């Protein structure tokens, strides 16, 4: 069976060729773009199974490409693996916060990148089996299929990561989860996210939920739980 089509976006020709060679050798169908504008155009013409996306691009940068794709209902579910020389924690958190599925810094090992791509695509296959029906806990209604949250009947705008954390905790009221368990559940294993970034997400989530934010409890020395 033919493997997924992967769109590789990078303005360095040698990087494009390196990725094309290694991913093609694994059986993936590869298309390439050297700018954000070209990438968006290619996505519109044919939806890829995954995008390997550099952040530092001429014109529209990788973060803006990600933002546009994740805000479009037709493209929001395309997995994105960010590949960039920007390795600071703030950049990692920003990329993942926008909805990227993984984040790899340059210089990189082609073998590791291929393994990460395979892992992201495996998770994509599993997603349809996840529970997508709406459920209610306290005065919150959470609809995973729509990525929608209502508090007292009013919609609350959450980011990709904030919604993932809330959905994960609220499905298991009373269960205590470590920060690393939360990262693994929301983003998968081996992501370059620190436990401190989880704390930042929780702060933002509580603020947006208003009084309902009290249901997310801190368990000192362990992590977090959703109040029963």
N, C-alpha and C. Protein backbone atom coordinates (compact mmCIF):
# COMPACT_ATOMS: atom_id res chain seq x y z
N UNK A 1 0.85 -1.19 0.00
CA UNK A 1 0.00 0.00 0.00
C UNK A 1 0.88 1.24 0.00
N UNK A 2 0.54 2.22 -0.86
CA UNK A 2 1.35 3.43 -0.98
C UNK A 2 1.33 4.21 0.32
N UNK A 3 2.47 4.75 0.69
CA UNK A 3 2.56 5.52 1.92
C UNK A 3 2.06 6.95 1.69
N UNK A 4 1.96 7.68 2.80
CA UNK A 4 1.43 9.04 2.78
C UNK A 4 2.28 9.98 1.91
N UNK A 5 1.61 11.03 1.43
CA UNK A 5 2.35 12.10 0.76
C UNK A 5 2.81 13.09 1.82
N UNK A 6 4.08 13.48 1.75
CA UNK A 6 4.65 14.42 2.72
C UNK A 6 5.12 15.67 1.99
N UNK A 7 4.73 16.81 2.50
CA UNK A 7 5.20 18.10 1.98
C UNK A 7 6.36 18.59 2.84
N UNK A 8 7.51 18.82 2.21
CA UNK A 8 8.69 19.32 2.91
C UNK A 8 8.88 20.78 2.54
N UNK A 9 9.00 21.65 3.56
CA UNK A 9 9.11 23.09 3.32
C UNK A 9 10.38 23.61 3.96
N UNK A 10 11.31 24.08 3.13
CA UNK A 10 12.57 24.63 3.63
C UNK A 10 13.18 25.46 2.52
N UNK A 11 13.82 26.58 2.88
CA UNK A 11 14.41 27.43 1.84
C UNK A 11 15.86 27.06 1.53
N UNK A 12 16.38 26.01 2.17
CA UNK A 12 17.74 25.54 1.88
C UNK A 12 17.66 24.31 0.98
N UNK A 13 18.20 24.42 -0.21
CA UNK A 13 18.08 23.35 -1.20
C UNK A 13 18.72 22.05 -0.72
N UNK A 14 19.85 22.15 -0.01
CA UNK A 14 20.50 20.93 0.46
C UNK A 14 19.65 20.20 1.50
N UNK A 15 18.94 20.97 2.33
CA UNK A 15 18.05 20.36 3.32
C UNK A 15 16.88 19.66 2.61
N UNK A 16 16.33 20.34 1.61
CA UNK A 16 15.23 19.74 0.84
C UNK A 16 15.65 18.42 0.22
N UNK A 17 16.83 18.40 -0.37
CA UNK A 17 17.29 17.18 -1.02
C UNK A 17 17.57 16.07 -0.01
N UNK A 18 18.13 16.45 1.13
CA UNK A 18 18.40 15.47 2.18
C UNK A 18 17.10 14.83 2.67
N UNK A 19 16.10 15.65 2.89
CA UNK A 19 14.81 15.14 3.36
C UNK A 19 14.10 14.33 2.28
N UNK A 20 14.16 14.84 1.05
CA UNK A 20 13.54 14.11 -0.05
C UNK A 20 14.14 12.71 -0.20
N UNK A 21 15.46 12.63 -0.12
CA UNK A 21 16.15 11.35 -0.28
C UNK A 21 15.76 10.38 0.83
N UNK A 22 15.84 10.84 2.09
CA UNK A 22 15.60 9.93 3.21
C UNK A 22 14.14 9.52 3.35
N UNK A 23 13.23 10.44 3.10
CA UNK A 23 11.81 10.10 3.22
C UNK A 23 11.33 9.27 2.02
N UNK A 24 11.86 9.57 0.83
CA UNK A 24 11.50 8.77 -0.35
C UNK A 24 11.97 7.34 -0.19
N UNK A 25 13.13 7.17 0.42
CA UNK A 25 13.67 5.83 0.63
C UNK A 25 12.76 5.00 1.53
N UNK A 26 11.97 5.67 2.38
CA UNK A 26 11.02 4.98 3.25
C UNK A 26 9.70 4.70 2.55
N UNK A 27 9.59 5.14 1.30
CA UNK A 27 8.37 4.87 0.53
C UNK A 27 7.37 6.00 0.51
N UNK A 28 7.68 7.14 1.17
CA UNK A 28 6.75 8.25 1.17
C UNK A 28 6.82 9.01 -0.16
N UNK A 29 5.70 9.58 -0.56
CA UNK A 29 5.66 10.43 -1.74
C UNK A 29 5.97 11.86 -1.29
N UNK A 30 6.93 12.49 -1.91
CA UNK A 30 7.43 13.78 -1.42
C UNK A 30 7.18 14.90 -2.42
N UNK A 31 6.71 16.03 -1.90
CA UNK A 31 6.67 17.27 -2.66
C UNK A 31 7.42 18.31 -1.83
N UNK A 32 7.99 19.31 -2.49
CA UNK A 32 8.84 20.28 -1.80
C UNK A 32 8.39 21.71 -2.09
N UNK A 33 8.60 22.58 -1.12
CA UNK A 33 8.34 24.01 -1.27
C UNK A 33 9.47 24.77 -0.60
N UNK A 34 9.82 25.93 -1.18
CA UNK A 34 10.93 26.72 -0.65
C UNK A 34 10.46 27.98 0.06
N UNK A 35 9.16 28.18 0.17
CA UNK A 35 8.63 29.36 0.85
C UNK A 35 7.27 29.04 1.46
N UNK A 36 6.83 29.91 2.38
CA UNK A 36 5.54 29.71 3.00
C UNK A 36 4.41 29.84 2.00
N UNK A 37 4.52 30.81 1.09
CA UNK A 37 3.48 31.00 0.08
C UNK A 37 3.34 29.76 -0.81
N UNK A 38 4.48 29.22 -1.25
CA UNK A 38 4.44 28.03 -2.10
C UNK A 38 3.85 26.84 -1.34
N UNK A 39 4.19 26.73 -0.07
CA UNK A 39 3.66 25.63 0.73
C UNK A 39 2.14 25.70 0.82
N UNK A 40 1.60 26.90 1.12
CA UNK A 40 0.15 27.06 1.22
C UNK A 40 -0.53 26.76 -0.10
N UNK A 41 0.09 27.15 -1.20
CA UNK A 41 -0.47 26.87 -2.52
C UNK A 41 -0.53 25.37 -2.79
N UNK A 42 0.54 24.65 -2.45
CA UNK A 42 0.59 23.21 -2.66
C UNK A 42 -0.44 22.48 -1.80
N UNK A 43 -0.61 22.96 -0.57
CA UNK A 43 -1.59 22.34 0.32
C UNK A 43 -3.00 22.50 -0.23
N UNK A 44 -3.27 23.68 -0.79
CA UNK A 44 -4.59 23.92 -1.37
C UNK A 44 -4.87 23.01 -2.56
N UNK A 45 -3.82 22.68 -3.33
CA UNK A 45 -4.01 21.85 -4.52
C UNK A 45 -4.14 20.37 -4.18
N UNK A 46 -3.46 19.93 -3.13
CA UNK A 46 -3.58 18.54 -2.68
C UNK A 46 -3.18 18.46 -1.22
N UNK A 47 -4.10 17.99 -0.36
CA UNK A 47 -3.84 17.89 1.07
C UNK A 47 -2.82 16.79 1.33
N UNK A 48 -1.66 17.14 1.93
CA UNK A 48 -0.66 16.10 2.23
C UNK A 48 -1.02 15.35 3.50
N UNK A 49 -0.37 14.21 3.70
CA UNK A 49 -0.60 13.43 4.91
C UNK A 49 0.16 13.99 6.09
N UNK A 50 1.22 14.79 5.81
CA UNK A 50 2.05 15.37 6.87
C UNK A 50 2.91 16.45 6.25
N UNK A 51 3.28 17.44 7.05
CA UNK A 51 4.16 18.52 6.58
C UNK A 51 5.38 18.60 7.48
N UNK A 52 6.56 18.61 6.88
CA UNK A 52 7.80 18.91 7.59
C UNK A 52 8.11 20.37 7.27
N UNK A 53 8.07 21.22 8.27
CA UNK A 53 8.04 22.67 8.03
C UNK A 53 9.15 23.42 8.76
N UNK A 54 9.96 24.13 7.99
CA UNK A 54 10.97 25.01 8.60
C UNK A 54 10.28 26.27 9.10
N UNK A 55 10.80 26.86 10.18
CA UNK A 55 10.21 28.09 10.69
C UNK A 55 10.76 29.33 10.00
N UNK A 56 12.06 29.34 9.72
CA UNK A 56 12.69 30.51 9.13
C UNK A 56 12.57 30.46 7.61
N UNK A 57 11.49 31.03 7.10
CA UNK A 57 11.22 31.02 5.66
C UNK A 57 11.11 32.44 5.14
N UNK A 58 11.44 32.66 3.87
CA UNK A 58 11.23 34.00 3.28
C UNK A 58 9.74 34.27 3.14
N UNK A 59 9.35 35.53 3.31
CA UNK A 59 7.94 35.87 3.19
C UNK A 59 7.16 35.39 4.40
N UNK A 60 6.17 34.54 4.16
CA UNK A 60 5.37 33.98 5.25
C UNK A 60 6.21 32.94 5.98
N UNK A 61 6.47 33.15 7.27
CA UNK A 61 7.32 32.21 8.00
C UNK A 61 6.54 30.98 8.44
N UNK A 62 7.26 30.02 9.00
CA UNK A 62 6.65 28.75 9.35
C UNK A 62 5.58 28.85 10.42
N UNK A 63 5.76 29.75 11.38
CA UNK A 63 4.74 29.93 12.42
C UNK A 63 3.43 30.44 11.83
N UNK A 64 3.53 31.37 10.88
CA UNK A 64 2.33 31.89 10.24
C UNK A 64 1.67 30.84 9.34
N UNK A 65 2.49 30.04 8.67
CA UNK A 65 1.94 28.94 7.87
C UNK A 65 1.15 27.99 8.78
N UNK A 66 1.74 27.66 9.92
CA UNK A 66 1.06 26.77 10.87
C UNK A 66 -0.24 27.39 11.36
N UNK A 67 -0.18 28.66 11.69
CA UNK A 67 -1.37 29.35 12.20
C UNK A 67 -2.51 29.30 11.16
N UNK A 68 -2.18 29.57 9.91
CA UNK A 68 -3.21 29.57 8.86
C UNK A 68 -3.78 28.18 8.63
N UNK A 69 -2.92 27.18 8.63
CA UNK A 69 -3.39 25.82 8.40
C UNK A 69 -4.27 25.34 9.53
N UNK A 70 -3.89 25.64 10.77
CA UNK A 70 -4.65 25.17 11.92
C UNK A 70 -5.96 25.94 12.11
N UNK A 71 -6.07 27.12 11.52
CA UNK A 71 -7.30 27.89 11.61
C UNK A 71 -8.27 27.60 10.46
N UNK A 72 -7.85 26.76 9.53
CA UNK A 72 -8.68 26.39 8.39
C UNK A 72 -9.26 25.00 8.63
N UNK A 73 -10.60 24.86 8.67
CA UNK A 73 -11.21 23.55 8.92
C UNK A 73 -10.76 22.47 7.94
N UNK A 74 -10.39 22.86 6.72
CA UNK A 74 -9.98 21.89 5.71
C UNK A 74 -8.57 21.36 5.93
N UNK A 75 -7.76 22.10 6.68
CA UNK A 75 -6.35 21.71 6.82
C UNK A 75 -5.90 21.57 8.27
N UNK A 76 -6.78 21.82 9.23
CA UNK A 76 -6.37 21.86 10.64
C UNK A 76 -5.87 20.52 11.16
N UNK A 77 -6.27 19.42 10.51
CA UNK A 77 -5.87 18.10 11.00
C UNK A 77 -4.60 17.56 10.34
N UNK A 78 -3.97 18.35 9.48
CA UNK A 78 -2.71 17.90 8.88
C UNK A 78 -1.62 17.91 9.93
N UNK A 79 -0.97 16.78 10.20
CA UNK A 79 0.13 16.78 11.17
C UNK A 79 1.29 17.64 10.67
N UNK A 80 1.91 18.38 11.57
CA UNK A 80 3.05 19.24 11.22
C UNK A 80 4.23 18.92 12.11
N UNK A 81 5.37 18.62 11.48
CA UNK A 81 6.63 18.44 12.20
C UNK A 81 7.49 19.65 11.88
N UNK A 82 7.76 20.48 12.88
CA UNK A 82 8.56 21.67 12.66
C UNK A 82 10.05 21.31 12.70
N UNK A 83 10.78 21.80 11.72
CA UNK A 83 12.21 21.57 11.62
C UNK A 83 12.89 22.92 11.52
N UNK A 84 13.71 23.26 12.53
CA UNK A 84 14.26 24.60 12.55
C UNK A 84 15.53 24.70 13.38
N UNK A 85 16.29 25.74 13.12
CA UNK A 85 17.51 25.99 13.89
C UNK A 85 17.20 26.72 15.18
N UNK A 86 15.95 27.17 15.33
CA UNK A 86 15.56 27.92 16.53
C UNK A 86 15.22 26.92 17.63
N UNK A 87 16.11 26.77 18.60
CA UNK A 87 15.91 25.75 19.61
C UNK A 87 15.60 26.25 21.00
N UNK A 88 15.37 27.56 21.15
CA UNK A 88 15.08 28.08 22.46
C UNK A 88 13.72 27.57 22.95
N UNK A 89 13.59 27.47 24.25
CA UNK A 89 12.35 26.93 24.82
C UNK A 89 11.13 27.71 24.37
N UNK A 90 11.24 29.05 24.29
CA UNK A 90 10.09 29.87 23.90
C UNK A 90 9.62 29.51 22.49
N UNK A 91 10.56 29.24 21.58
CA UNK A 91 10.20 28.89 20.22
C UNK A 91 9.53 27.51 20.18
N UNK A 92 10.05 26.60 20.99
CA UNK A 92 9.47 25.26 21.05
C UNK A 92 8.03 25.34 21.54
N UNK A 93 7.81 26.08 22.62
CA UNK A 93 6.46 26.20 23.17
C UNK A 93 5.53 26.87 22.16
N UNK A 94 6.02 27.92 21.49
CA UNK A 94 5.18 28.62 20.51
C UNK A 94 4.77 27.68 19.37
N UNK A 95 5.72 26.93 18.85
CA UNK A 95 5.42 26.01 17.76
C UNK A 95 4.40 24.97 18.16
N UNK A 96 4.57 24.36 19.31
CA UNK A 96 3.64 23.34 19.78
C UNK A 96 2.29 23.95 20.13
N UNK A 97 2.33 25.16 20.67
CA UNK A 97 1.09 25.83 21.05
C UNK A 97 0.21 26.10 19.83
N UNK A 98 0.82 26.41 18.72
CA UNK A 98 0.05 26.67 17.50
C UNK A 98 -0.58 25.39 16.94
N UNK A 99 -0.09 24.25 17.40
CA UNK A 99 -0.68 23.01 16.94
C UNK A 99 0.26 22.05 16.25
N UNK A 100 1.57 22.38 16.22
CA UNK A 100 2.53 21.46 15.61
C UNK A 100 2.54 20.15 16.40
N UNK A 101 2.79 19.05 15.70
CA UNK A 101 2.77 17.74 16.34
C UNK A 101 4.14 17.32 16.86
N UNK A 102 5.18 17.90 16.33
CA UNK A 102 6.52 17.61 16.83
C UNK A 102 7.43 18.75 16.44
N UNK A 103 8.62 18.79 17.02
CA UNK A 103 9.53 19.92 16.84
C UNK A 103 10.95 19.38 16.88
N UNK A 104 11.67 19.50 15.79
CA UNK A 104 13.03 18.97 15.69
C UNK A 104 13.97 20.12 15.34
N UNK A 105 15.09 20.22 16.06
CA UNK A 105 16.02 21.32 15.82
C UNK A 105 17.17 20.89 14.91
N UNK A 106 17.66 21.84 14.12
CA UNK A 106 18.83 21.63 13.27
C UNK A 106 20.08 21.90 14.11
N UNK A 107 21.18 21.20 13.84
CA UNK A 107 21.31 20.07 12.90
C UNK A 107 20.57 18.85 13.43
N UNK A 108 20.16 17.98 12.52
CA UNK A 108 19.35 16.85 12.92
C UNK A 108 19.86 15.56 12.28
N UNK A 109 19.48 14.46 12.88
CA UNK A 109 19.79 13.14 12.32
C UNK A 109 18.64 12.73 11.40
N UNK A 110 18.90 12.45 10.13
CA UNK A 110 17.83 12.01 9.23
C UNK A 110 17.09 10.78 9.75
N UNK A 111 17.81 9.86 10.41
CA UNK A 111 17.16 8.67 10.94
C UNK A 111 16.17 9.02 12.04
N UNK A 112 16.55 9.97 12.90
CA UNK A 112 15.65 10.38 13.97
C UNK A 112 14.43 11.09 13.39
N UNK A 113 14.66 11.95 12.39
CA UNK A 113 13.54 12.65 11.78
C UNK A 113 12.56 11.67 11.15
N UNK A 114 13.07 10.68 10.43
CA UNK A 114 12.20 9.68 9.81
C UNK A 114 11.41 8.93 10.88
N UNK A 115 12.07 8.62 12.00
CA UNK A 115 11.38 7.92 13.08
C UNK A 115 10.28 8.79 13.68
N UNK A 116 10.54 10.07 13.82
CA UNK A 116 9.53 10.99 14.35
C UNK A 116 8.34 11.09 13.39
N UNK A 117 8.63 11.16 12.10
CA UNK A 117 7.57 11.23 11.10
C UNK A 117 6.69 9.98 11.18
N UNK A 118 7.32 8.83 11.29
CA UNK A 118 6.56 7.58 11.39
C UNK A 118 5.67 7.60 12.64
N UNK A 119 6.22 8.10 13.76
CA UNK A 119 5.47 8.13 15.01
C UNK A 119 4.26 9.05 14.91
N UNK A 120 4.44 10.22 14.29
CA UNK A 120 3.33 11.16 14.14
C UNK A 120 2.24 10.55 13.25
N UNK A 121 2.64 9.89 12.18
CA UNK A 121 1.65 9.28 11.27
C UNK A 121 0.93 8.13 11.94
N UNK A 122 1.63 7.39 12.82
CA UNK A 122 0.95 6.32 13.56
C UNK A 122 -0.12 6.89 14.48
N UNK A 123 0.20 8.01 15.14
CA UNK A 123 -0.79 8.64 16.01
C UNK A 123 -1.98 9.15 15.21
N UNK A 124 -1.70 9.63 14.01
CA UNK A 124 -2.78 10.12 13.14
C UNK A 124 -3.76 9.00 12.81
N UNK A 125 -3.25 7.80 12.56
CA UNK A 125 -4.10 6.66 12.25
C UNK A 125 -4.97 6.29 13.43
N UNK A 126 -4.43 6.46 14.65
CA UNK A 126 -5.16 6.08 15.85
C UNK A 126 -6.25 7.07 16.22
N UNK A 127 -6.13 8.32 15.75
CA UNK A 127 -7.02 9.37 16.20
C UNK A 127 -8.51 9.07 16.01
N UNK A 128 -8.96 8.49 14.87
CA UNK A 128 -10.39 8.27 14.71
C UNK A 128 -11.01 7.39 15.79
N UNK A 129 -10.21 6.54 16.44
CA UNK A 129 -10.74 5.67 17.47
C UNK A 129 -10.91 6.37 18.80
N UNK A 130 -10.36 7.59 18.92
CA UNK A 130 -10.51 8.34 20.16
C UNK A 130 -11.96 8.78 20.33
N UNK A 131 -12.38 8.96 21.56
CA UNK A 131 -13.72 9.42 21.81
C UNK A 131 -13.89 10.84 21.30
N UNK A 132 -14.93 11.06 20.49
CA UNK A 132 -15.15 12.37 19.92
C UNK A 132 -16.49 12.97 20.31
N UNK A 133 -17.31 12.22 21.05
CA UNK A 133 -18.62 12.74 21.43
C UNK A 133 -18.49 13.70 22.61
N UNK A 134 -19.45 14.62 22.69
CA UNK A 134 -19.44 15.62 23.75
C UNK A 134 -19.74 14.98 25.11
N UNK A 135 -19.17 15.57 26.16
CA UNK A 135 -19.49 15.12 27.52
C UNK A 135 -19.52 16.33 28.44
N UNK A 136 -20.19 16.18 29.56
CA UNK A 136 -20.33 17.28 30.52
C UNK A 136 -19.75 16.89 31.86
N UNK A 137 -19.05 17.83 32.47
CA UNK A 137 -18.53 17.65 33.82
C UNK A 137 -18.66 19.00 34.51
N UNK A 138 -19.31 18.99 35.67
CA UNK A 138 -19.67 20.23 36.35
C UNK A 138 -20.47 21.12 35.39
N UNK A 139 -20.06 22.37 35.23
CA UNK A 139 -20.79 23.25 34.31
C UNK A 139 -20.07 23.43 32.98
N UNK A 140 -19.20 22.47 32.65
CA UNK A 140 -18.48 22.50 31.38
C UNK A 140 -19.03 21.43 30.44
N UNK A 141 -19.21 21.79 29.18
CA UNK A 141 -19.51 20.82 28.13
C UNK A 141 -18.33 20.83 27.17
N UNK A 142 -17.72 19.67 26.97
CA UNK A 142 -16.52 19.54 26.14
C UNK A 142 -16.84 18.66 24.95
N UNK A 143 -16.57 19.17 23.76
CA UNK A 143 -16.85 18.42 22.52
C UNK A 143 -15.53 18.20 21.78
N UNK A 144 -14.89 17.05 22.00
CA UNK A 144 -13.58 16.80 21.37
C UNK A 144 -13.62 16.84 19.85
N UNK A 145 -14.70 16.32 19.25
CA UNK A 145 -14.77 16.30 17.79
C UNK A 145 -14.73 17.69 17.20
N UNK A 146 -15.36 18.64 17.89
CA UNK A 146 -15.37 20.03 17.41
C UNK A 146 -14.28 20.88 18.07
N UNK A 147 -13.59 20.29 19.04
CA UNK A 147 -12.62 21.04 19.85
C UNK A 147 -13.30 22.29 20.41
N UNK A 148 -14.46 22.06 21.03
CA UNK A 148 -15.30 23.15 21.53
C UNK A 148 -15.55 22.98 23.03
N UNK A 149 -15.50 24.10 23.76
CA UNK A 149 -15.76 24.08 25.20
C UNK A 149 -16.81 25.14 25.52
N UNK A 150 -17.82 24.73 26.27
CA UNK A 150 -18.84 25.66 26.74
C UNK A 150 -18.80 25.70 28.26
N UNK A 151 -18.82 26.90 28.82
CA UNK A 151 -18.91 27.08 30.26
C UNK A 151 -20.20 27.83 30.53
N UNK A 152 -21.12 27.17 31.25
CA UNK A 152 -22.45 27.74 31.48
C UNK A 152 -23.13 28.11 30.16
N UNK A 153 -22.89 27.28 29.14
CA UNK A 153 -23.52 27.48 27.84
C UNK A 153 -22.82 28.46 26.93
N UNK A 154 -21.75 29.10 27.40
CA UNK A 154 -21.04 30.09 26.59
C UNK A 154 -19.71 29.52 26.11
N UNK A 155 -19.40 29.71 24.82
CA UNK A 155 -18.15 29.16 24.27
C UNK A 155 -16.92 29.85 24.84
N UNK A 156 -15.87 29.06 25.06
CA UNK A 156 -14.59 29.57 25.54
C UNK A 156 -13.53 29.23 24.50
N UNK A 157 -12.81 30.23 24.03
CA UNK A 157 -11.78 30.01 23.02
C UNK A 157 -10.49 29.52 23.67
N UNK A 158 -10.11 28.29 23.35
CA UNK A 158 -8.88 27.72 23.89
C UNK A 158 -7.91 27.41 22.76
N UNK A 159 -6.63 27.44 23.09
CA UNK A 159 -5.63 27.06 22.11
C UNK A 159 -5.62 25.53 21.96
N UNK A 160 -4.89 25.05 20.98
CA UNK A 160 -4.78 23.62 20.71
C UNK A 160 -4.34 22.86 21.96
N UNK A 161 -3.28 23.34 22.61
CA UNK A 161 -2.73 22.64 23.76
C UNK A 161 -3.63 22.78 24.98
N UNK A 162 -4.19 23.95 25.19
CA UNK A 162 -5.09 24.15 26.33
C UNK A 162 -6.28 23.20 26.24
N UNK A 163 -6.85 23.07 25.05
CA UNK A 163 -7.99 22.17 24.89
C UNK A 163 -7.56 20.73 25.17
N UNK A 164 -6.40 20.33 24.65
CA UNK A 164 -5.94 18.97 24.87
C UNK A 164 -5.76 18.64 26.34
N UNK A 165 -5.20 19.58 27.10
CA UNK A 165 -5.00 19.37 28.53
C UNK A 165 -6.34 19.27 29.25
N UNK A 166 -7.26 20.18 28.93
CA UNK A 166 -8.57 20.17 29.59
C UNK A 166 -9.31 18.87 29.29
N UNK A 167 -9.32 18.46 28.04
CA UNK A 167 -10.01 17.23 27.64
C UNK A 167 -9.42 16.01 28.36
N UNK A 168 -8.11 15.98 28.46
CA UNK A 168 -7.42 14.86 29.11
C UNK A 168 -7.76 14.79 30.59
N UNK A 169 -7.69 15.90 31.28
CA UNK A 169 -7.96 15.91 32.72
C UNK A 169 -9.44 15.70 33.03
N UNK A 170 -10.31 16.38 32.27
CA UNK A 170 -11.74 16.35 32.58
C UNK A 170 -12.36 14.99 32.33
N UNK A 171 -11.76 14.18 31.47
CA UNK A 171 -12.30 12.84 31.22
C UNK A 171 -12.05 11.90 32.40
N UNK A 172 -11.15 12.29 33.28
CA UNK A 172 -10.77 11.42 34.40
C UNK A 172 -10.79 12.21 35.71
N UNK A 173 -11.94 12.71 36.11
CA UNK A 173 -12.01 13.51 37.35
C UNK A 173 -11.46 12.73 38.55
N UNK A 174 -10.65 13.42 39.34
CA UNK A 174 -10.08 12.81 40.53
C UNK A 174 -8.74 12.14 40.31
N UNK A 175 -8.42 11.81 39.06
CA UNK A 175 -7.13 11.18 38.78
C UNK A 175 -6.03 12.23 38.79
N UNK A 176 -4.90 11.88 39.37
CA UNK A 176 -3.76 12.80 39.43
C UNK A 176 -2.76 12.43 38.34
N UNK A 177 -2.33 13.43 37.56
CA UNK A 177 -1.38 13.20 36.49
C UNK A 177 -0.15 14.09 36.67
N UNK A 178 1.02 13.53 36.41
CA UNK A 178 2.24 14.33 36.44
C UNK A 178 2.28 15.22 35.20
N UNK A 179 3.14 16.20 35.26
CA UNK A 179 3.29 17.10 34.11
C UNK A 179 3.75 16.31 32.87
N UNK A 180 4.63 15.36 33.07
CA UNK A 180 5.14 14.61 31.92
C UNK A 180 4.08 13.67 31.36
N UNK A 181 3.20 13.15 32.21
CA UNK A 181 2.08 12.36 31.70
C UNK A 181 1.16 13.21 30.84
N UNK A 182 0.95 14.45 31.26
CA UNK A 182 0.11 15.36 30.50
C UNK A 182 0.74 15.66 29.14
N UNK A 183 2.04 15.94 29.13
CA UNK A 183 2.73 16.20 27.86
C UNK A 183 2.62 15.00 26.94
N UNK A 184 2.88 13.80 27.46
CA UNK A 184 2.82 12.59 26.63
C UNK A 184 1.42 12.37 26.08
N UNK A 185 0.40 12.64 26.89
CA UNK A 185 -0.97 12.39 26.46
C UNK A 185 -1.43 13.38 25.39
N UNK A 186 -1.03 14.62 25.54
CA UNK A 186 -1.49 15.67 24.64
C UNK A 186 -0.66 15.73 23.37
N UNK A 187 0.63 15.50 23.49
CA UNK A 187 1.53 15.66 22.34
C UNK A 187 2.22 14.38 21.91
N UNK A 188 2.10 13.31 22.68
CA UNK A 188 2.84 12.10 22.35
C UNK A 188 4.16 12.09 23.11
N UNK A 189 4.90 11.00 22.99
CA UNK A 189 6.13 10.84 23.76
C UNK A 189 7.30 11.59 23.13
N UNK A 190 8.29 11.88 23.97
CA UNK A 190 9.58 12.41 23.53
C UNK A 190 9.50 13.81 22.93
N UNK A 191 8.60 14.65 23.42
CA UNK A 191 8.55 16.01 22.91
C UNK A 191 9.46 16.91 23.73
N UNK A 192 10.12 17.88 23.08
CA UNK A 192 11.04 18.77 23.79
C UNK A 192 10.30 19.86 24.53
N UNK A 193 9.42 19.46 25.46
CA UNK A 193 8.66 20.41 26.25
C UNK A 193 9.01 20.19 27.71
N UNK A 194 9.24 21.26 28.42
CA UNK A 194 9.61 21.12 29.83
C UNK A 194 8.36 21.11 30.70
N UNK A 195 8.52 20.62 31.93
CA UNK A 195 7.37 20.62 32.84
C UNK A 195 6.92 22.03 33.15
N UNK A 196 7.84 22.99 33.05
CA UNK A 196 7.46 24.38 33.31
C UNK A 196 6.48 24.89 32.27
N UNK A 197 6.60 24.44 31.02
CA UNK A 197 5.68 24.90 29.98
C UNK A 197 4.27 24.38 30.23
N UNK A 198 4.15 23.20 30.87
CA UNK A 198 2.83 22.70 31.24
C UNK A 198 2.19 23.64 32.26
N UNK A 199 2.98 24.11 33.22
CA UNK A 199 2.47 25.05 34.21
C UNK A 199 1.94 26.32 33.54
N UNK A 200 2.65 26.79 32.53
CA UNK A 200 2.22 28.00 31.81
C UNK A 200 0.87 27.74 31.13
N UNK A 201 0.71 26.57 30.52
CA UNK A 201 -0.55 26.23 29.86
C UNK A 201 -1.70 26.18 30.88
N UNK A 202 -1.44 25.61 32.02
CA UNK A 202 -2.47 25.50 33.06
C UNK A 202 -2.90 26.88 33.53
N UNK A 203 -1.96 27.79 33.71
CA UNK A 203 -2.29 29.15 34.14
C UNK A 203 -3.21 29.81 33.11
N UNK A 204 -2.86 29.68 31.83
CA UNK A 204 -3.69 30.27 30.78
C UNK A 204 -5.06 29.63 30.71
N UNK A 205 -5.11 28.32 30.89
CA UNK A 205 -6.37 27.59 30.85
C UNK A 205 -7.29 28.02 31.98
N UNK A 206 -6.76 28.10 33.18
CA UNK A 206 -7.57 28.53 34.32
C UNK A 206 -8.12 29.94 34.11
N UNK A 207 -7.30 30.81 33.59
CA UNK A 207 -7.73 32.19 33.38
C UNK A 207 -8.89 32.25 32.38
N UNK A 208 -8.79 31.49 31.30
CA UNK A 208 -9.85 31.52 30.28
C UNK A 208 -11.14 30.87 30.76
N UNK A 209 -11.04 29.89 31.63
CA UNK A 209 -12.23 29.22 32.15
C UNK A 209 -12.95 30.05 33.21
N UNK A 210 -12.28 31.07 33.72
CA UNK A 210 -12.90 31.91 34.74
C UNK A 210 -13.11 31.13 36.03
N UNK A 211 -14.26 31.30 36.68
CA UNK A 211 -14.53 30.58 37.93
C UNK A 211 -14.41 29.06 37.78
N UNK A 212 -14.68 28.54 36.58
CA UNK A 212 -14.58 27.09 36.36
C UNK A 212 -13.13 26.61 36.39
N UNK A 213 -12.19 27.54 36.36
CA UNK A 213 -10.79 27.16 36.43
C UNK A 213 -10.41 26.51 37.74
N UNK A 214 -11.26 26.72 38.77
CA UNK A 214 -10.99 26.13 40.09
C UNK A 214 -11.05 24.61 40.06
N UNK A 215 -11.69 24.05 39.02
CA UNK A 215 -11.80 22.59 38.94
C UNK A 215 -10.46 21.93 38.61
N UNK A 216 -9.53 22.70 38.06
CA UNK A 216 -8.19 22.16 37.78
C UNK A 216 -7.33 22.41 39.02
N UNK A 217 -7.07 21.35 39.74
CA UNK A 217 -6.38 21.46 41.01
C UNK A 217 -4.91 21.08 40.89
N UNK A 218 -4.06 21.81 41.59
CA UNK A 218 -2.64 21.49 41.66
C UNK A 218 -2.41 20.51 42.81
N UNK A 219 -1.73 19.42 42.52
CA UNK A 219 -1.37 18.46 43.56
C UNK A 219 0.12 18.65 43.82
N UNK A 220 0.43 19.29 44.90
CA UNK A 220 1.82 19.69 45.18
C UNK A 220 2.78 18.52 45.10
N UNK A 221 3.85 18.74 44.38
CA UNK A 221 4.89 17.72 44.24
C UNK A 221 4.57 16.61 43.25
N UNK A 222 3.36 16.66 42.66
CA UNK A 222 2.98 15.60 41.71
C UNK A 222 2.61 16.18 40.36
N UNK A 223 1.48 16.92 40.33
CA UNK A 223 1.01 17.45 39.06
C UNK A 223 -0.36 18.07 39.19
N UNK A 224 -1.31 17.60 38.38
CA UNK A 224 -2.64 18.22 38.36
C UNK A 224 -3.73 17.16 38.30
N UNK A 225 -4.95 17.57 38.70
CA UNK A 225 -6.13 16.71 38.56
C UNK A 225 -7.34 17.61 38.35
N UNK A 226 -8.38 17.00 37.78
CA UNK A 226 -9.65 17.71 37.61
C UNK A 226 -10.55 17.30 38.77
N UNK A 227 -11.11 18.28 39.45
CA UNK A 227 -11.89 18.02 40.67
C UNK A 227 -13.11 17.16 40.38
N UNK A 228 -13.33 16.17 41.23
CA UNK A 228 -14.50 15.30 41.09
C UNK A 228 -15.78 16.06 41.40
